Amino acid sequence: MNFQETAQRYAELLLGDGSWLTEEFAWTVLRPRVGPLTLSDVAQRLAGNSHADIVERDFEDAYTDNAVILDATDEAVMIVDLHRTSNTPDPDFIAQLSRNVDVWHVSWHTALSRRMIHARDGRIIAAVPYLDPADAVGEDLDSVRAELAALSAAQRDPWPAVEATALAIVEERTGARLRLDWFDHAHPSIAIDQ
């Protein structure tokens, strides 16, 4: 599937049965640079100095328990937060998660900002507030030139082109994929102390 088809698939998801995702959503994908990365590794990164218990939860229970959902793909570990439970939209927190991994993050909230962040080894490579490349900052924007160009082109298209493009970028760079039926099942999760 090419990039445009992937972006179209996400646009259809956001316009169709997945429209509830447009209210509040955070998707963070960690792809290891050195050695394997397990759910336990990511849970411990999320918990910081606290003990990280991984428990199977559906999304309703995750909300009740102040938890984020984790899932391992063939190439990465992803964190899905539908209720702003975690600090993942915070660039400093993303930088902390990125030790020995590439991290790609996209999030939005209807009352707050939209953003995309790419971090590696504790550094913010690119942060794109409002999903608008004109506002992008970071240590190596040249390395994400193609991604910024795709977001820039989507700015001219009707909603939800920008959000769909951001989701397609995360999929393309990490190999992780979101499908609507994925949200119908329980997954490993970790409760976040706030």
N, C-alpha and C. Protein backbone atom coordinates (compact mmCIF):
# COMPACT_ATOMS: atom_id res chain seq x y z
N MET A 1 0.85 -1.17 0.00
CA MET A 1 0.00 0.00 0.00
C MET A 1 0.90 1.24 0.00
N ASN A 2 0.62 2.19 -0.90
CA ASN A 2 1.45 3.40 -0.93
C ASN A 2 0.95 4.41 0.10
N PHE A 3 1.73 5.46 0.29
CA PHE A 3 1.44 6.44 1.34
C PHE A 3 0.06 7.08 1.17
N GLN A 4 -0.29 7.47 -0.05
CA GLN A 4 -1.59 8.11 -0.27
C GLN A 4 -2.75 7.17 0.05
N GLU A 5 -2.60 5.89 -0.27
CA GLU A 5 -3.64 4.92 0.07
C GLU A 5 -3.76 4.75 1.58
N THR A 6 -2.62 4.77 2.27
CA THR A 6 -2.64 4.67 3.73
C THR A 6 -3.33 5.87 4.34
N ALA A 7 -3.00 7.07 3.87
CA ALA A 7 -3.65 8.28 4.37
C ALA A 7 -5.15 8.24 4.08
N GLN A 8 -5.53 7.76 2.91
CA GLN A 8 -6.95 7.66 2.57
C GLN A 8 -7.67 6.67 3.49
N ARG A 9 -7.00 5.57 3.81
CA ARG A 9 -7.60 4.58 4.72
C ARG A 9 -7.86 5.22 6.08
N TYR A 10 -6.90 6.02 6.58
CA TYR A 10 -7.11 6.69 7.87
C TYR A 10 -8.19 7.77 7.78
N ALA A 11 -8.26 8.47 6.67
CA ALA A 11 -9.33 9.47 6.50
C ALA A 11 -10.69 8.79 6.54
N GLU A 12 -10.81 7.66 5.87
CA GLU A 12 -12.08 6.92 5.87
C GLU A 12 -12.42 6.43 7.27
N LEU A 13 -11.41 6.00 8.02
CA LEU A 13 -11.64 5.56 9.40
C LEU A 13 -12.18 6.73 10.24
N LEU A 14 -11.55 7.91 10.12
CA LEU A 14 -11.95 9.07 10.93
C LEU A 14 -13.30 9.64 10.50
N LEU A 15 -13.64 9.48 9.25
CA LEU A 15 -14.93 9.97 8.76
C LEU A 15 -16.05 8.96 8.97
N GLY A 16 -15.70 7.70 9.17
CA GLY A 16 -16.70 6.64 9.26
C GLY A 16 -16.91 6.18 10.69
N ASP A 17 -16.86 4.87 10.87
CA ASP A 17 -17.16 4.27 12.17
C ASP A 17 -16.15 4.65 13.25
N GLY A 18 -14.99 5.16 12.87
CA GLY A 18 -14.00 5.59 13.84
C GLY A 18 -14.05 7.07 14.15
N SER A 19 -15.17 7.72 13.82
CA SER A 19 -15.25 9.18 14.03
C SER A 19 -15.10 9.56 15.50
N TRP A 20 -15.40 8.64 16.41
CA TRP A 20 -15.22 8.93 17.83
C TRP A 20 -13.75 9.16 18.18
N LEU A 21 -12.84 8.70 17.35
CA LEU A 21 -11.41 8.94 17.59
C LEU A 21 -11.00 10.39 17.36
N THR A 22 -11.86 11.17 16.72
CA THR A 22 -11.49 12.55 16.40
C THR A 22 -11.58 13.48 17.60
N GLU A 23 -12.20 13.03 18.68
CA GLU A 23 -12.35 13.90 19.85
C GLU A 23 -11.09 13.99 20.68
N GLU A 24 -10.51 12.85 20.98
CA GLU A 24 -9.34 12.82 21.85
C GLU A 24 -8.55 11.56 21.53
N PHE A 25 -7.28 11.72 21.23
CA PHE A 25 -6.53 10.57 20.76
C PHE A 25 -5.03 10.84 20.88
N ALA A 26 -4.30 9.83 21.32
CA ALA A 26 -2.83 9.90 21.31
C ALA A 26 -2.30 8.52 20.92
N TRP A 27 -1.45 8.50 19.91
CA TRP A 27 -0.83 7.26 19.44
C TRP A 27 0.67 7.48 19.40
N THR A 28 1.38 6.67 20.17
CA THR A 28 2.83 6.77 20.27
C THR A 28 3.41 5.42 19.92
N VAL A 29 4.39 5.40 19.04
CA VAL A 29 5.01 4.14 18.62
C VAL A 29 6.51 4.23 18.85
N LEU A 30 7.03 3.24 19.56
CA LEU A 30 8.45 3.14 19.86
C LEU A 30 9.04 2.01 19.02
N ARG A 31 10.03 2.34 18.24
CA ARG A 31 10.68 1.34 17.38
C ARG A 31 12.14 1.22 17.83
N PRO A 32 12.57 0.03 18.23
CA PRO A 32 13.93 -0.11 18.79
C PRO A 32 15.02 0.17 17.76
N ARG A 33 16.08 0.79 18.26
CA ARG A 33 17.27 1.03 17.43
C ARG A 33 18.34 -0.01 17.74
N VAL A 34 18.33 -0.50 18.98
CA VAL A 34 19.32 -1.48 19.41
C VAL A 34 18.60 -2.57 20.20
N GLY A 35 18.70 -3.81 19.75
CA GLY A 35 18.10 -4.92 20.48
C GLY A 35 16.58 -4.89 20.47
N PRO A 36 15.98 -5.87 21.14
CA PRO A 36 14.52 -5.95 21.18
C PRO A 36 13.93 -4.94 22.16
N LEU A 37 12.65 -4.68 21.99
CA LEU A 37 11.89 -3.81 22.88
C LEU A 37 10.63 -4.57 23.26
N THR A 38 10.40 -4.75 24.56
CA THR A 38 9.25 -5.52 25.01
C THR A 38 8.18 -4.60 25.61
N LEU A 39 6.98 -5.16 25.80
CA LEU A 39 5.94 -4.42 26.49
C LEU A 39 6.40 -4.02 27.89
N SER A 40 7.11 -4.91 28.56
CA SER A 40 7.61 -4.59 29.92
C SER A 40 8.57 -3.42 29.89
N ASP A 41 9.45 -3.37 28.88
CA ASP A 41 10.37 -2.24 28.75
C ASP A 41 9.60 -0.93 28.63
N VAL A 42 8.59 -0.93 27.78
CA VAL A 42 7.82 0.30 27.55
C VAL A 42 7.00 0.65 28.78
N ALA A 43 6.42 -0.36 29.42
CA ALA A 43 5.65 -0.10 30.65
C ALA A 43 6.54 0.55 31.71
N GLN A 44 7.76 0.06 31.85
CA GLN A 44 8.67 0.65 32.84
C GLN A 44 9.05 2.08 32.47
N ARG A 45 9.23 2.34 31.20
CA ARG A 45 9.51 3.72 30.76
C ARG A 45 8.34 4.64 31.10
N LEU A 46 7.13 4.14 30.90
CA LEU A 46 5.95 4.94 31.22
C LEU A 46 5.79 5.17 32.71
N ALA A 47 6.12 4.15 33.50
CA ALA A 47 5.93 4.23 34.95
C ALA A 47 7.03 5.02 35.64
N GLY A 48 8.17 5.21 34.97
CA GLY A 48 9.27 5.91 35.61
C GLY A 48 9.83 5.08 36.74
N ASN A 49 9.81 5.63 37.93
CA ASN A 49 10.36 4.93 39.10
C ASN A 49 9.35 4.01 39.76
N SER A 50 8.11 4.01 39.30
CA SER A 50 7.07 3.18 39.90
C SER A 50 7.11 1.78 39.31
N HIS A 51 6.47 0.85 40.03
CA HIS A 51 6.33 -0.52 39.53
C HIS A 51 5.31 -0.52 38.38
N ALA A 52 5.60 -1.25 37.33
CA ALA A 52 4.74 -1.27 36.14
C ALA A 52 4.02 -2.60 36.01
N ASP A 53 2.77 -2.65 36.44
CA ASP A 53 1.95 -3.86 36.28
C ASP A 53 1.22 -3.79 34.95
N ILE A 54 1.41 -4.81 34.13
CA ILE A 54 0.71 -4.90 32.86
C ILE A 54 -0.52 -5.77 33.06
N VAL A 55 -1.69 -5.21 32.72
CA VAL A 55 -2.97 -5.89 32.92
C VAL A 55 -3.78 -5.80 31.63
N GLU A 56 -4.46 -6.88 31.25
CA GLU A 56 -5.35 -6.86 30.08
C GLU A 56 -6.57 -5.99 30.42
N ARG A 57 -6.86 -5.00 29.56
CA ARG A 57 -8.04 -4.16 29.74
C ARG A 57 -8.62 -3.83 28.37
N ASP A 58 -9.94 -3.65 28.35
CA ASP A 58 -10.53 -3.04 27.16
C ASP A 58 -10.43 -1.53 27.35
N PHE A 59 -10.87 -0.77 26.35
CA PHE A 59 -10.68 0.67 26.41
C PHE A 59 -11.53 1.34 27.48
N GLU A 60 -12.70 0.77 27.75
CA GLU A 60 -13.55 1.33 28.81
C GLU A 60 -12.89 1.15 30.17
N ASP A 61 -12.36 -0.05 30.42
CA ASP A 61 -11.66 -0.30 31.69
C ASP A 61 -10.39 0.54 31.78
N ALA A 62 -9.71 0.72 30.66
CA ALA A 62 -8.50 1.55 30.67
C ALA A 62 -8.84 2.97 31.12
N TYR A 63 -9.95 3.50 30.63
CA TYR A 63 -10.38 4.83 31.03
C TYR A 63 -10.68 4.87 32.53
N THR A 64 -11.44 3.90 33.01
CA THR A 64 -11.81 3.85 34.42
C THR A 64 -10.58 3.72 35.31
N ASP A 65 -9.59 2.94 34.85
CA ASP A 65 -8.40 2.66 35.65
C ASP A 65 -7.25 3.63 35.39
N ASN A 66 -7.50 4.69 34.61
CA ASN A 66 -6.45 5.67 34.30
C ASN A 66 -5.24 4.96 33.66
N ALA A 67 -5.53 4.18 32.63
CA ALA A 67 -4.49 3.36 32.00
C ALA A 67 -4.38 3.67 30.51
N VAL A 68 -3.22 3.35 29.96
CA VAL A 68 -3.01 3.41 28.52
C VAL A 68 -2.86 1.99 28.01
N ILE A 69 -3.21 1.79 26.75
CA ILE A 69 -3.14 0.49 26.11
C ILE A 69 -1.78 0.34 25.43
N LEU A 70 -1.19 -0.84 25.56
CA LEU A 70 0.07 -1.17 24.90
C LEU A 70 -0.18 -2.31 23.93
N ASP A 71 0.61 -2.34 22.87
CA ASP A 71 0.53 -3.46 21.95
C ASP A 71 1.85 -3.59 21.22
N ALA A 72 2.30 -4.82 21.08
CA ALA A 72 3.54 -5.09 20.34
C ALA A 72 3.20 -5.47 18.92
N THR A 73 3.89 -4.87 17.97
CA THR A 73 3.78 -5.26 16.57
C THR A 73 5.07 -6.01 16.22
N ASP A 74 5.21 -6.41 14.98
CA ASP A 74 6.43 -7.11 14.58
C ASP A 74 7.67 -6.24 14.76
N GLU A 75 7.51 -4.94 14.59
CA GLU A 75 8.67 -4.04 14.56
C GLU A 75 8.70 -3.01 15.68
N ALA A 76 7.66 -2.93 16.50
CA ALA A 76 7.58 -1.81 17.44
C ALA A 76 6.62 -2.12 18.58
N VAL A 77 6.56 -1.20 19.53
CA VAL A 77 5.56 -1.23 20.59
C VAL A 77 4.80 0.07 20.51
N MET A 78 3.46 -0.04 20.57
CA MET A 78 2.68 1.18 20.50
C MET A 78 1.90 1.41 21.78
N ILE A 79 1.66 2.69 22.04
CA ILE A 79 0.90 3.16 23.19
C ILE A 79 -0.29 3.91 22.63
N VAL A 80 -1.49 3.53 23.05
CA VAL A 80 -2.70 4.23 22.62
C VAL A 80 -3.39 4.78 23.86
N ASP A 81 -3.66 6.06 23.83
CA ASP A 81 -4.29 6.75 24.95
C ASP A 81 -5.45 7.56 24.40
N LEU A 82 -6.66 7.16 24.74
CA LEU A 82 -7.84 7.85 24.23
C LEU A 82 -8.34 8.94 25.17
N HIS A 83 -7.77 9.03 26.36
CA HIS A 83 -8.35 9.93 27.36
C HIS A 83 -7.32 10.83 28.03
N ARG A 84 -6.21 11.10 27.37
CA ARG A 84 -5.17 11.98 27.93
C ARG A 84 -4.74 11.53 29.32
N THR A 85 -4.59 10.22 29.46
CA THR A 85 -4.15 9.64 30.72
C THR A 85 -2.67 9.86 30.94
N SER A 86 -1.89 9.76 29.88
CA SER A 86 -0.43 9.83 29.99
C SER A 86 0.08 11.21 29.59
N ASN A 87 1.38 11.37 29.72
CA ASN A 87 2.05 12.60 29.31
C ASN A 87 2.58 12.51 27.89
N THR A 88 2.16 11.52 27.12
CA THR A 88 2.76 11.34 25.80
C THR A 88 2.66 12.53 24.87
N PRO A 89 1.65 13.41 25.00
CA PRO A 89 1.68 14.59 24.11
C PRO A 89 2.75 15.62 24.47
N ASP A 90 3.45 15.42 25.58
CA ASP A 90 4.48 16.35 26.04
C ASP A 90 5.83 16.00 25.39
N PRO A 91 6.42 16.92 24.64
CA PRO A 91 7.70 16.62 23.97
C PRO A 91 8.80 16.17 24.93
N ASP A 92 8.87 16.73 26.13
CA ASP A 92 9.89 16.31 27.08
C ASP A 92 9.69 14.86 27.50
N PHE A 93 8.45 14.46 27.68
CA PHE A 93 8.15 13.08 28.04
C PHE A 93 8.49 12.14 26.88
N ILE A 94 8.16 12.54 25.67
CA ILE A 94 8.51 11.74 24.48
C ILE A 94 10.03 11.58 24.40
N ALA A 95 10.76 12.65 24.65
CA ALA A 95 12.22 12.56 24.63
C ALA A 95 12.71 11.53 25.65
N GLN A 96 12.11 11.49 26.82
CA GLN A 96 12.51 10.52 27.85
C GLN A 96 12.21 9.08 27.40
N LEU A 97 11.12 8.90 26.68
CA LEU A 97 10.76 7.56 26.20
C LEU A 97 11.72 7.06 25.13
N SER A 98 12.45 7.96 24.50
CA SER A 98 13.17 7.62 23.27
C SER A 98 14.59 7.09 23.46
N ARG A 99 14.96 6.65 24.65
CA ARG A 99 16.29 6.08 24.87
C ARG A 99 16.45 4.81 24.03
N ASN A 100 17.38 4.82 23.11
CA ASN A 100 17.68 3.70 22.21
C ASN A 100 16.52 3.31 21.30
N VAL A 101 15.56 4.21 21.11
CA VAL A 101 14.45 3.94 20.21
C VAL A 101 14.11 5.19 19.41
N ASP A 102 13.47 4.96 18.28
CA ASP A 102 12.81 6.03 17.53
C ASP A 102 11.38 6.09 18.05
N VAL A 103 10.91 7.26 18.38
CA VAL A 103 9.54 7.44 18.83
C VAL A 103 8.82 8.35 17.85
N TRP A 104 7.65 7.91 17.42
CA TRP A 104 6.76 8.73 16.59
C TRP A 104 5.45 8.86 17.34
N HIS A 105 4.95 10.06 17.42
CA HIS A 105 3.75 10.35 18.20
C HIS A 105 2.85 11.29 17.42
N VAL A 106 1.54 11.02 17.49
CA VAL A 106 0.55 11.96 16.96
C VAL A 106 -0.60 12.01 17.96
N SER A 107 -1.09 13.22 18.22
CA SER A 107 -2.21 13.35 19.16
C SER A 107 -3.03 14.58 18.83
N TRP A 108 -4.26 14.55 19.33
CA TRP A 108 -5.11 15.73 19.24
C TRP A 108 -6.14 15.66 20.35
N HIS A 109 -6.69 16.81 20.64
CA HIS A 109 -7.78 16.96 21.59
C HIS A 109 -8.64 18.10 21.08
N THR A 110 -9.95 17.93 21.11
CA THR A 110 -10.82 18.95 20.51
C THR A 110 -10.64 20.32 21.15
N ALA A 111 -10.35 20.36 22.45
CA ALA A 111 -10.21 21.65 23.14
C ALA A 111 -8.76 22.12 23.22
N LEU A 112 -7.84 21.28 22.82
CA LEU A 112 -6.42 21.62 22.94
C LEU A 112 -5.74 21.50 21.58
N SER A 113 -4.43 21.31 21.61
CA SER A 113 -3.68 21.30 20.36
C SER A 113 -3.59 19.92 19.73
N ARG A 114 -3.21 19.95 18.47
CA ARG A 114 -2.86 18.74 17.73
C ARG A 114 -1.35 18.79 17.57
N ARG A 115 -0.71 17.62 17.55
CA ARG A 115 0.74 17.63 17.36
C ARG A 115 1.27 16.30 16.85
N MET A 116 2.43 16.39 16.24
CA MET A 116 3.20 15.22 15.86
C MET A 116 4.60 15.45 16.39
N ILE A 117 5.21 14.39 16.94
CA ILE A 117 6.56 14.49 17.49
C ILE A 117 7.36 13.28 17.03
N HIS A 118 8.61 13.54 16.66
CA HIS A 118 9.55 12.45 16.39
C HIS A 118 10.76 12.68 17.29
N ALA A 119 11.12 11.66 18.07
CA ALA A 119 12.27 11.76 18.97
C ALA A 119 13.15 10.53 18.81
N ARG A 120 14.41 10.72 19.12
CA ARG A 120 15.37 9.61 19.05
C ARG A 120 16.47 9.86 20.08
N ASP A 121 16.75 8.84 20.88
CA ASP A 121 17.85 8.89 21.84
C ASP A 121 17.82 10.14 22.71
N GLY A 122 16.63 10.48 23.20
CA GLY A 122 16.51 11.60 24.12
C GLY A 122 16.45 12.97 23.47
N ARG A 123 16.42 13.01 22.14
CA ARG A 123 16.40 14.29 21.41
C ARG A 123 15.11 14.42 20.63
N ILE A 124 14.59 15.64 20.60
CA ILE A 124 13.42 15.92 19.77
C ILE A 124 13.92 16.22 18.36
N ILE A 125 13.71 15.30 17.46
CA ILE A 125 14.12 15.47 16.07
C ILE A 125 13.19 16.48 15.40
N ALA A 126 11.89 16.34 15.66
CA ALA A 126 10.91 17.29 15.11
C ALA A 126 9.67 17.28 15.98
N ALA A 127 9.15 18.46 16.24
CA ALA A 127 7.86 18.62 16.90
C ALA A 127 7.03 19.53 16.00
N VAL A 128 5.82 19.09 15.70
CA VAL A 128 4.97 19.83 14.77
C VAL A 128 3.67 20.22 15.50
N PRO A 129 3.70 21.38 16.17
CA PRO A 129 2.48 21.82 16.85
C PRO A 129 1.37 22.10 15.83
N TYR A 130 0.14 21.83 16.24
CA TYR A 130 -1.04 22.07 15.40
C TYR A 130 -1.00 21.26 14.10
N LEU A 131 -0.10 20.28 14.03
CA LEU A 131 0.11 19.48 12.81
C LEU A 131 0.37 20.39 11.61
N ASP A 132 0.99 21.53 11.86
CA ASP A 132 1.29 22.52 10.82
C ASP A 132 2.80 22.64 10.67
N PRO A 133 3.34 22.18 9.55
CA PRO A 133 4.79 22.22 9.35
C PRO A 133 5.40 23.61 9.44
N ALA A 134 4.61 24.65 9.23
CA ALA A 134 5.13 26.01 9.36
C ALA A 134 5.59 26.30 10.78
N ASP A 135 5.06 25.55 11.76
CA ASP A 135 5.42 25.74 13.16
C ASP A 135 6.42 24.71 13.67
N ALA A 136 6.93 23.85 12.79
CA ALA A 136 7.82 22.76 13.21
C ALA A 136 9.12 23.28 13.80
N VAL A 137 9.55 22.61 14.87
CA VAL A 137 10.83 22.88 15.52
C VAL A 137 11.49 21.55 15.81
N GLY A 138 12.80 21.56 16.01
CA GLY A 138 13.50 20.34 16.36
C GLY A 138 14.94 20.39 15.93
N GLU A 139 15.68 19.34 16.31
CA GLU A 139 17.11 19.29 16.08
C GLU A 139 17.51 18.86 14.67
N ASP A 140 16.60 18.22 13.94
CA ASP A 140 16.97 17.74 12.61
C ASP A 140 15.76 17.70 11.69
N LEU A 141 15.22 18.87 11.39
CA LEU A 141 14.04 18.94 10.53
C LEU A 141 14.33 18.42 9.13
N ASP A 142 15.58 18.49 8.70
CA ASP A 142 15.93 17.96 7.37
C ASP A 142 15.64 16.47 7.26
N SER A 143 15.78 15.74 8.37
CA SER A 143 15.56 14.29 8.31
C SER A 143 14.09 13.93 8.17
N VAL A 144 13.20 14.89 8.38
CA VAL A 144 11.76 14.64 8.23
C VAL A 144 11.16 15.54 7.15
N ARG A 145 11.98 15.93 6.20
CA ARG A 145 11.53 16.82 5.14
C ARG A 145 10.34 16.25 4.36
N ALA A 146 10.38 14.96 4.04
CA ALA A 146 9.29 14.34 3.28
C ALA A 146 8.00 14.33 4.10
N GLU A 147 8.10 14.06 5.40
CA GLU A 147 6.93 14.05 6.27
C GLU A 147 6.33 15.44 6.40
N LEU A 148 7.19 16.44 6.55
CA LEU A 148 6.70 17.83 6.64
C LEU A 148 6.05 18.25 5.33
N ALA A 149 6.60 17.81 4.20
CA ALA A 149 6.00 18.14 2.90
C ALA A 149 4.62 17.49 2.77
N ALA A 150 4.48 16.25 3.24
CA ALA A 150 3.18 15.58 3.17
C ALA A 150 2.16 16.31 4.04
N LEU A 151 2.55 16.71 5.24
CA LEU A 151 1.64 17.47 6.10
C LEU A 151 1.29 18.82 5.49
N SER A 152 2.27 19.45 4.87
CA SER A 152 2.04 20.74 4.24
C SER A 152 1.03 20.62 3.10
N ALA A 153 1.17 19.59 2.28
CA ALA A 153 0.24 19.38 1.17
C ALA A 153 -1.17 19.10 1.69
N ALA A 154 -1.27 18.39 2.82
CA ALA A 154 -2.59 18.05 3.37
C ALA A 154 -3.31 19.26 3.94
N GLN A 155 -2.58 20.33 4.24
CA GLN A 155 -3.20 21.53 4.81
C GLN A 155 -4.27 22.11 3.88
N ARG A 156 -4.11 21.87 2.59
CA ARG A 156 -5.05 22.43 1.59
C ARG A 156 -6.30 21.58 1.40
N ASP A 157 -6.26 20.36 1.93
CA ASP A 157 -7.37 19.43 1.71
C ASP A 157 -8.38 19.52 2.85
N PRO A 158 -9.62 19.08 2.60
CA PRO A 158 -10.63 19.14 3.66
C PRO A 158 -10.32 18.19 4.81
N TRP A 159 -10.87 18.54 5.95
CA TRP A 159 -10.74 17.70 7.14
C TRP A 159 -11.26 16.30 6.83
N PRO A 160 -10.63 15.25 7.28
CA PRO A 160 -9.52 15.13 8.22
C PRO A 160 -8.19 14.80 7.54
N ALA A 161 -7.91 15.44 6.43
CA ALA A 161 -6.70 15.11 5.66
C ALA A 161 -5.43 15.25 6.48
N VAL A 162 -5.32 16.29 7.29
CA VAL A 162 -4.10 16.51 8.06
C VAL A 162 -3.92 15.40 9.10
N GLU A 163 -4.97 15.09 9.84
CA GLU A 163 -4.89 14.04 10.85
C GLU A 163 -4.60 12.69 10.20
N ALA A 164 -5.27 12.39 9.09
CA ALA A 164 -5.05 11.13 8.39
C ALA A 164 -3.61 11.03 7.87
N THR A 165 -3.08 12.15 7.39
CA THR A 165 -1.70 12.17 6.92
C THR A 165 -0.73 11.91 8.06
N ALA A 166 -0.99 12.52 9.22
CA ALA A 166 -0.12 12.30 10.39
C ALA A 166 -0.15 10.83 10.81
N LEU A 167 -1.32 10.22 10.82
CA LEU A 167 -1.41 8.80 11.16
C LEU A 167 -0.67 7.94 10.14
N ALA A 168 -0.79 8.29 8.86
CA ALA A 168 -0.09 7.54 7.81
C ALA A 168 1.43 7.68 7.96
N ILE A 169 1.89 8.85 8.37
CA ILE A 169 3.33 9.05 8.59
C ILE A 169 3.82 8.12 9.69
N VAL A 170 3.09 8.05 10.80
CA VAL A 170 3.50 7.17 11.90
C VAL A 170 3.53 5.73 11.43
N GLU A 171 2.51 5.30 10.68
CA GLU A 171 2.51 3.92 10.18
C GLU A 171 3.69 3.67 9.26
N GLU A 172 3.93 4.60 8.34
CA GLU A 172 5.02 4.40 7.38
C GLU A 172 6.39 4.34 8.07
N ARG A 173 6.60 5.16 9.07
CA ARG A 173 7.91 5.23 9.73
C ARG A 173 8.13 4.12 10.76
N THR A 174 7.05 3.49 11.24
CA THR A 174 7.21 2.51 12.31
C THR A 174 6.74 1.10 11.96
N GLY A 175 5.91 0.97 10.95
CA GLY A 175 5.34 -0.33 10.63
C GLY A 175 4.11 -0.67 11.46
N ALA A 176 3.78 0.14 12.46
CA ALA A 176 2.57 -0.09 13.26
C ALA A 176 1.36 0.38 12.47
N ARG A 177 0.22 -0.25 12.71
CA ARG A 177 -0.99 0.11 11.98
C ARG A 177 -2.18 0.07 12.93
N LEU A 178 -3.04 1.07 12.82
CA LEU A 178 -4.29 1.09 13.56
C LEU A 178 -5.44 0.66 12.65
N ARG A 179 -6.23 -0.27 13.14
CA ARG A 179 -7.44 -0.69 12.45
C ARG A 179 -8.59 -0.55 13.44
N LEU A 180 -9.74 -0.25 12.94
CA LEU A 180 -10.89 -0.02 13.81
C LEU A 180 -11.21 -1.24 14.66
N ASP A 181 -11.12 -2.45 14.09
CA ASP A 181 -11.44 -3.64 14.87
C ASP A 181 -10.46 -3.88 16.01
N TRP A 182 -9.27 -3.27 15.95
CA TRP A 182 -8.29 -3.39 17.04
C TRP A 182 -8.87 -2.83 18.34
N PHE A 183 -9.71 -1.81 18.25
CA PHE A 183 -10.28 -1.17 19.43
C PHE A 183 -11.38 -2.00 20.08
N ASP A 184 -11.81 -3.08 19.43
CA ASP A 184 -12.88 -3.91 19.97
C ASP A 184 -12.40 -4.93 20.99
N HIS A 185 -11.10 -5.03 21.20
CA HIS A 185 -10.55 -6.10 22.02
C HIS A 185 -9.76 -5.54 23.20
N ALA A 186 -9.62 -6.37 24.22
CA ALA A 186 -8.75 -6.03 25.35
C ALA A 186 -7.29 -6.18 24.91
N HIS A 187 -6.44 -5.38 25.51
CA HIS A 187 -5.01 -5.39 25.22
C HIS A 187 -4.24 -5.22 26.51
N PRO A 188 -2.95 -5.51 26.50
CA PRO A 188 -2.13 -5.18 27.66
C PRO A 188 -2.21 -3.68 27.92
N SER A 189 -2.15 -3.32 29.20
CA SER A 189 -2.25 -1.91 29.54
C SER A 189 -1.49 -1.66 30.83
N ILE A 190 -1.22 -0.40 31.08
CA ILE A 190 -0.57 -0.01 32.32
C ILE A 190 -1.28 1.23 32.87
N ALA A 191 -1.60 1.18 34.17
CA ALA A 191 -2.20 2.33 34.84
C ALA A 191 -1.11 3.37 35.06
N ILE A 192 -1.47 4.62 34.85
CA ILE A 192 -0.52 5.73 34.96
C ILE A 192 -0.84 6.54 36.21
N ASP A 193 0.16 6.70 37.07
CA ASP A 193 0.00 7.57 38.23
C ASP A 193 0.18 9.00 37.78
N GLN A 194 -0.79 9.86 38.12
CA GLN A 194 -0.70 11.27 37.71
C GLN A 194 -0.34 12.12 38.88
